[in-house]
Amino acid sequence: MTLAITGASGQLGRLVADQLLATVDPSEVVLLTRDPAKLSEFADRGATVRAADFDQPDGLVDALAGVERMLLISTDVVGARVDGHRAAIDAAVKAGVRHVAYTSIPEPTEDNPSGVVPDHAATEDALRASGLAWTMLRNNLYAEMQVGTIEQAAASGQLFTNTGDGGAAYVTRDDVAAVAVGVLTGEGHEGQAYDVTGPAAVTATDLAALATKLAGRPVEVINVDDEAYQGGLVAAGVPEAFAPLLVSFGASIRLGKLARVTDVVERVGGRTPTALEDLLS
């Protein structure tokens, strides 16, 4: 069975490729990327590397020739990626791909204020309407993104947040990759929407406790409203165009949209999920 990964040169894609090559015969693995040179080490391990660009849909069908299952990793251009995702799904249909797994987010619904909801909801709808077998991998926020937050709080003694008392079940990219490999290589995942989470919902108080442990001195949690949080992000050097997205993540956490904890990493990925604290050691 031939398995393909889109965006294979990205951070998540490389992890999935590495784990997949350790799981199946390399001749079964097709890695898609705009720049094949970036995946030369995987080609050396026996994977097939093909050029594929969602902005050039005419070549996508050829890139997916012979593929039976595909992991569609969402691209990183928020607000401008749905057309590319649809192009990949259309190409999968034309190429005869049978099953597509897509990296989405928990609760991609209208009442979730996260700025990435519209893209993911539209892509999920397109995949369901395609006639392909599908699996949604609704990944929580990446745990790795919180390491810098914790380190900065440890250095300053303060943790500014707009998350209130809400928590997020942060998950590592490596654990997400394990689940993706489980879906690509396993059976019975068609029609499933999996919330892929870490082992616990982590609040701002929990983050401050980790920062306190790291710093060896108390770290104070300072809750602010969305407007103040955005202003603080921009003042700290976050690009003005990106700051609202981070604010929306905090609002989503505050409303409990990322708090659900599941056993998907263990059940589908075959491993114990990594705790955020373990990334700091």
Protein backbone atom coordinates (compact mmCIF):
# COMPACT_ATOMS: atom_id res chain seq x y z
CA MET A 1 0.00 0.00 0.00
CA THR A 2 1.40 3.40 -1.01
CA LEU A 3 1.17 6.19 1.56
CA ALA A 4 1.73 9.90 0.86
CA ILE A 5 2.47 12.88 3.08
CA THR A 6 1.92 16.42 1.85
CA GLY A 7 4.09 19.21 3.21
CA ALA A 8 6.64 16.58 4.12
CA SER A 9 9.47 19.09 4.52
CA GLY A 10 7.67 20.97 7.31
CA GLN A 11 8.19 20.40 11.02
CA LEU A 12 5.31 17.94 11.40
CA GLY A 13 5.80 16.39 7.97
CA ARG A 14 9.40 15.46 8.69
CA LEU A 15 8.42 13.77 11.94
CA VAL A 16 5.69 11.77 10.23
CA ALA A 17 8.06 10.79 7.44
CA ASP A 18 10.70 9.64 9.90
CA GLN A 19 8.26 7.51 11.89
CA LEU A 20 6.55 6.14 8.79
CA LEU A 21 9.85 5.02 7.26
CA ALA A 22 10.58 3.16 10.49
CA THR A 23 7.18 1.44 10.30
CA VAL A 24 6.66 0.35 6.68
CA ASP A 25 8.79 -0.57 3.70
CA PRO A 26 10.29 2.67 2.34
CA SER A 27 9.08 1.75 -1.14
CA GLU A 28 5.54 2.40 0.13
CA VAL A 29 6.26 6.00 1.17
CA VAL A 30 5.72 9.03 -1.09
CA LEU A 31 6.78 12.43 0.25
CA LEU A 32 5.36 15.55 -1.38
CA THR A 33 7.03 18.94 -1.14
CA ARG A 34 7.54 22.07 -3.21
CA ASP A 35 11.31 21.60 -2.91
CA PRO A 36 12.40 17.94 -3.19
CA ALA A 37 16.00 18.86 -2.32
CA LYS A 38 14.86 19.48 1.25
CA LEU A 39 13.99 15.79 1.64
CA SER A 40 17.16 14.24 0.26
CA GLU A 41 17.89 12.37 3.49
CA PHE A 42 14.52 10.61 3.24
CA ALA A 43 15.16 9.76 -0.41
CA ASP A 44 18.42 8.20 0.74
CA ARG A 45 16.37 6.01 3.09
CA GLY A 46 14.28 4.75 0.18
CA ALA A 47 11.27 7.06 0.13
CA THR A 48 9.95 8.45 -3.13
CA VAL A 49 10.10 12.24 -3.13
CA ARG A 50 7.89 14.15 -5.56
CA ALA A 51 7.44 17.85 -6.27
CA ALA A 52 3.96 19.10 -5.43
CA ASP A 53 2.61 22.62 -5.07
CA PHE A 54 -1.00 23.26 -4.05
CA ASP A 55 -0.86 26.52 -6.02
CA GLN A 56 -0.16 24.51 -9.18
CA PRO A 57 -2.97 21.94 -9.12
CA ASP A 58 -2.28 20.58 -12.61
CA GLY A 59 0.74 18.70 -11.31
CA LEU A 60 -0.88 17.34 -8.16
CA VAL A 61 -2.65 14.44 -9.86
CA ASP A 62 0.63 13.12 -11.26
CA ALA A 63 2.30 13.60 -7.87
CA LEU A 64 -0.36 11.39 -6.29
CA ALA A 65 -0.20 8.62 -8.90
CA GLY A 66 -0.44 5.21 -7.25
CA VAL A 67 -1.14 6.60 -3.78
CA GLU A 68 -3.83 4.85 -1.73
CA ARG A 69 -3.76 6.84 1.51
CA MET A 70 -2.68 10.43 2.03
CA LEU A 71 -1.95 12.65 5.00
CA LEU A 72 -2.98 16.20 4.09
CA ILE A 73 -1.05 18.50 6.42
CA SER A 74 -2.68 21.91 6.59
CA THR A 75 -0.48 24.65 5.19
CA ASP A 76 0.54 27.62 7.32
CA VAL A 77 -0.97 30.57 5.46
CA VAL A 78 -3.97 31.25 7.68
CA GLY A 79 -6.90 32.69 5.74
CA ALA A 80 -5.47 31.82 2.33
CA ARG A 81 -5.06 28.06 2.36
CA VAL A 82 -8.50 26.62 1.71
CA ASP A 83 -8.15 26.77 -2.08
CA GLY A 84 -4.89 24.84 -1.85
CA HIS A 85 -6.43 22.24 0.43
CA ARG A 86 -9.36 21.84 -1.96
CA ALA A 87 -6.93 21.47 -4.86
CA ALA A 88 -5.17 18.67 -3.01
CA ILE A 89 -8.46 16.94 -2.24
CA ASP A 90 -9.63 17.25 -5.86
CA ALA A 91 -6.31 15.84 -7.07
CA ALA A 92 -6.64 12.94 -4.64
CA VAL A 93 -10.04 12.11 -6.10
CA LYS A 94 -8.72 12.24 -9.67
CA ALA A 95 -5.63 10.20 -8.81
CA GLY A 96 -7.67 7.42 -7.21
CA VAL A 97 -6.54 7.98 -3.63
CA ARG A 98 -8.93 6.11 -1.35
CA HIS A 99 -8.42 7.66 2.09
CA VAL A 100 -7.27 11.12 3.22
CA ALA A 101 -6.39 12.12 6.78
CA TYR A 102 -6.38 15.87 7.46
CA THR A 103 -4.72 17.84 10.26
CA SER A 104 -7.43 20.04 11.77
CA ILE A 105 -8.19 21.48 15.23
CA PRO A 106 -10.57 20.56 18.06
CA GLU A 107 -14.09 21.96 17.76
CA PRO A 108 -13.90 23.74 14.38
CA THR A 109 -17.32 25.28 15.01
CA GLU A 110 -18.77 28.78 14.74
CA ASP A 111 -18.72 29.32 18.51
CA ASN A 112 -14.97 28.72 18.66
CA PRO A 113 -13.18 32.11 18.38
CA SER A 114 -9.90 30.61 17.18
CA GLY A 115 -8.78 32.42 14.04
CA VAL A 116 -7.97 29.16 12.27
CA VAL A 117 -11.50 27.75 12.54
CA PRO A 118 -12.81 28.97 9.15
CA ASP A 119 -9.97 27.35 7.21
CA HIS A 120 -10.25 24.03 9.00
CA ALA A 121 -14.05 23.91 8.92
CA ALA A 122 -14.07 24.61 5.18
CA THR A 123 -11.44 21.95 4.51
CA GLU A 124 -13.26 19.36 6.62
CA ASP A 125 -16.46 20.13 4.69
CA ALA A 126 -14.64 19.75 1.38
CA LEU A 127 -13.15 16.44 2.42
CA ARG A 128 -16.49 15.07 3.59
CA ALA A 129 -18.10 16.13 0.31
CA SER A 130 -15.36 14.58 -1.82
CA GLY A 131 -16.55 11.00 -1.62
CA LEU A 132 -13.16 9.91 -0.24
CA ALA A 133 -12.79 8.01 2.99
CA TRP A 134 -11.58 10.55 5.56
CA THR A 135 -10.13 10.93 9.02
CA MET A 136 -9.88 14.26 10.83
CA LEU A 137 -6.86 14.64 13.09
CA ARG A 138 -7.99 17.50 15.31
CA ASN A 139 -4.70 18.37 16.91
CA ASN A 140 -4.54 20.49 20.04
CA LEU A 141 -2.04 23.36 20.22
CA TYR A 142 1.55 22.22 19.98
CA ALA A 143 3.29 21.85 23.33
CA GLU A 144 6.57 23.03 21.83
CA MET A 145 5.05 26.48 21.34
CA GLN A 146 4.68 26.87 25.11
CA VAL A 147 8.32 26.26 25.96
CA GLY A 148 9.29 29.80 25.01
CA THR A 149 6.34 31.18 26.97
CA ILE A 150 7.46 29.32 30.08
CA GLU A 151 11.09 30.35 29.69
CA GLN A 152 10.13 33.99 29.19
CA ALA A 153 7.90 33.91 32.27
CA ALA A 154 10.71 32.33 34.27
CA ALA A 155 13.03 35.14 33.23
CA SER A 156 10.59 37.99 33.93
CA GLY A 157 8.69 36.60 36.91
CA GLN A 158 5.37 37.32 35.20
CA LEU A 159 3.07 35.37 32.89
CA PHE A 160 0.64 37.56 30.97
CA THR A 161 -2.35 35.70 29.54
CA ASN A 162 -5.88 36.13 28.22
CA THR A 163 -6.82 32.49 28.87
CA GLY A 164 -8.49 33.07 32.24
CA ASP A 165 -9.03 29.78 34.05
CA GLY A 166 -9.16 27.78 30.82
CA GLY A 167 -6.78 24.99 29.95
CA ALA A 168 -5.39 23.44 26.78
CA ALA A 169 -4.34 19.82 26.32
CA TYR A 170 -1.10 20.75 24.58
CA VAL A 171 0.32 17.93 22.46
CA THR A 172 3.80 17.44 21.02
CA ARG A 173 4.37 17.27 17.30
CA ASP A 174 6.03 13.90 17.76
CA ASP A 175 2.89 12.50 19.37
CA VAL A 176 0.76 13.97 16.58
CA ALA A 177 3.07 12.29 14.08
CA ALA A 178 2.61 8.95 15.84
CA VAL A 179 -1.16 9.25 15.52
CA ALA A 180 -0.86 10.17 11.85
CA VAL A 181 1.28 7.09 11.23
CA GLY A 182 -1.24 4.98 13.11
CA VAL A 183 -4.04 6.21 10.87
CA LEU A 184 -2.03 5.81 7.65
CA THR A 185 -0.98 2.26 8.45
CA GLY A 186 -3.93 0.99 10.48
CA GLU A 187 -7.51 0.01 9.82
CA GLY A 188 -10.87 1.24 11.08
CA HIS A 189 -10.12 4.96 11.10
CA GLU A 190 -12.38 5.98 8.22
CA GLY A 191 -15.08 8.46 9.20
CA GLN A 192 -13.44 9.26 12.53
CA ALA A 193 -12.65 12.72 13.92
CA TYR A 194 -9.94 12.30 16.53
CA ASP A 195 -9.06 14.95 19.10
CA VAL A 196 -5.30 14.49 19.42
CA THR A 197 -4.23 15.75 22.84
CA GLY A 198 -1.58 15.67 25.49
CA PRO A 199 -2.15 13.96 28.85
CA ALA A 200 -3.72 16.91 30.69
CA ALA A 201 -5.41 20.27 30.23
CA VAL A 202 -2.81 22.85 31.25
CA THR A 203 -3.91 26.25 32.60
CA ALA A 204 -1.98 29.50 32.91
CA THR A 205 -1.53 28.67 36.59
CA ASP A 206 0.07 25.38 35.58
CA LEU A 207 2.36 27.18 33.12
CA ALA A 208 3.38 29.60 35.87
CA ALA A 209 4.12 26.68 38.18
CA LEU A 210 6.44 25.21 35.56
CA ALA A 211 8.09 28.60 35.12
CA THR A 212 8.47 28.90 38.90
CA LYS A 213 10.17 25.53 39.02
CA LEU A 214 12.45 26.54 36.18
CA ALA A 215 13.34 29.92 37.68
CA GLY A 216 13.57 28.90 41.30
CA ARG A 217 11.41 31.89 42.24
CA PRO A 218 7.68 32.70 42.11
CA VAL A 219 6.11 33.56 38.77
CA GLU A 220 2.91 35.61 38.88
CA VAL A 221 -0.03 35.05 36.53
CA ILE A 222 -1.45 38.32 35.21
CA ASN A 223 -4.79 37.92 33.44
CA VAL A 224 -5.63 40.65 30.95
CA ASP A 225 -8.40 41.19 28.41
CA ASP A 226 -7.95 40.43 24.74
CA GLU A 227 -7.20 44.02 23.74
CA ALA A 228 -4.51 44.44 26.38
CA TYR A 229 -3.02 41.07 25.54
CA GLN A 230 -2.77 41.95 21.86
CA GLY A 231 -1.13 45.26 22.70
CA GLY A 232 1.38 43.48 24.92
CA LEU A 233 2.22 40.99 22.19
CA VAL A 234 2.87 43.73 19.65
CA ALA A 235 4.95 45.68 22.17
CA ALA A 236 7.00 42.53 22.74
CA GLY A 237 7.78 42.26 19.04
CA VAL A 238 5.05 39.96 17.73
CA PRO A 239 4.07 41.10 14.21
CA GLU A 240 0.81 43.06 14.20
CA ALA A 241 -0.67 40.74 11.58
CA PHE A 242 0.05 37.66 13.72
CA ALA A 243 -0.91 38.96 17.16
CA PRO A 244 -4.71 38.66 16.65
CA LEU A 245 -4.30 34.97 15.88
CA LEU A 246 -2.49 34.38 19.18
CA VAL A 247 -5.20 36.36 20.97
CA SER A 248 -7.84 34.14 19.37
CA PHE A 249 -6.06 31.02 20.61
CA GLY A 250 -6.22 32.42 24.14
CA ALA A 251 -9.91 33.21 23.76
CA SER A 252 -10.52 29.66 22.56
CA ILE A 253 -8.73 28.30 25.61
CA ARG A 254 -10.70 30.62 27.89
CA LEU A 255 -13.96 29.21 26.52
CA GLY A 256 -12.85 25.62 27.07
CA LYS A 257 -12.52 24.70 23.40
CA LEU A 258 -9.10 23.07 23.87
CA ALA A 259 -9.55 21.46 27.28
CA ARG A 260 -10.73 18.00 26.24
CA VAL A 261 -8.23 15.21 26.98
CA THR A 262 -8.41 11.96 25.02
CA ASP A 263 -6.54 8.66 24.80
CA VAL A 264 -5.99 8.98 21.02
CA VAL A 265 -2.19 9.25 21.25
CA GLU A 266 -2.07 6.01 23.19
CA ARG A 267 -4.87 4.20 21.37
CA VAL A 268 -4.02 5.20 17.78
CA GLY A 269 -0.41 6.34 18.10
CA GLY A 270 0.66 3.46 20.31
CA ARG A 271 2.55 5.55 22.85
CA THR A 272 2.11 7.44 26.10
CA PRO A 273 1.57 11.15 25.37
CA THR A 274 4.37 13.48 26.38
CA ALA A 275 3.69 15.92 29.20
CA LEU A 276 4.58 19.57 28.67
CA GLU A 277 6.89 19.43 31.68
CA ASP A 278 8.96 16.73 29.98
CA LEU A 279 9.88 19.15 27.18
CA LEU A 280 11.60 21.38 29.71
CA SER A 281 13.93 18.70 31.05
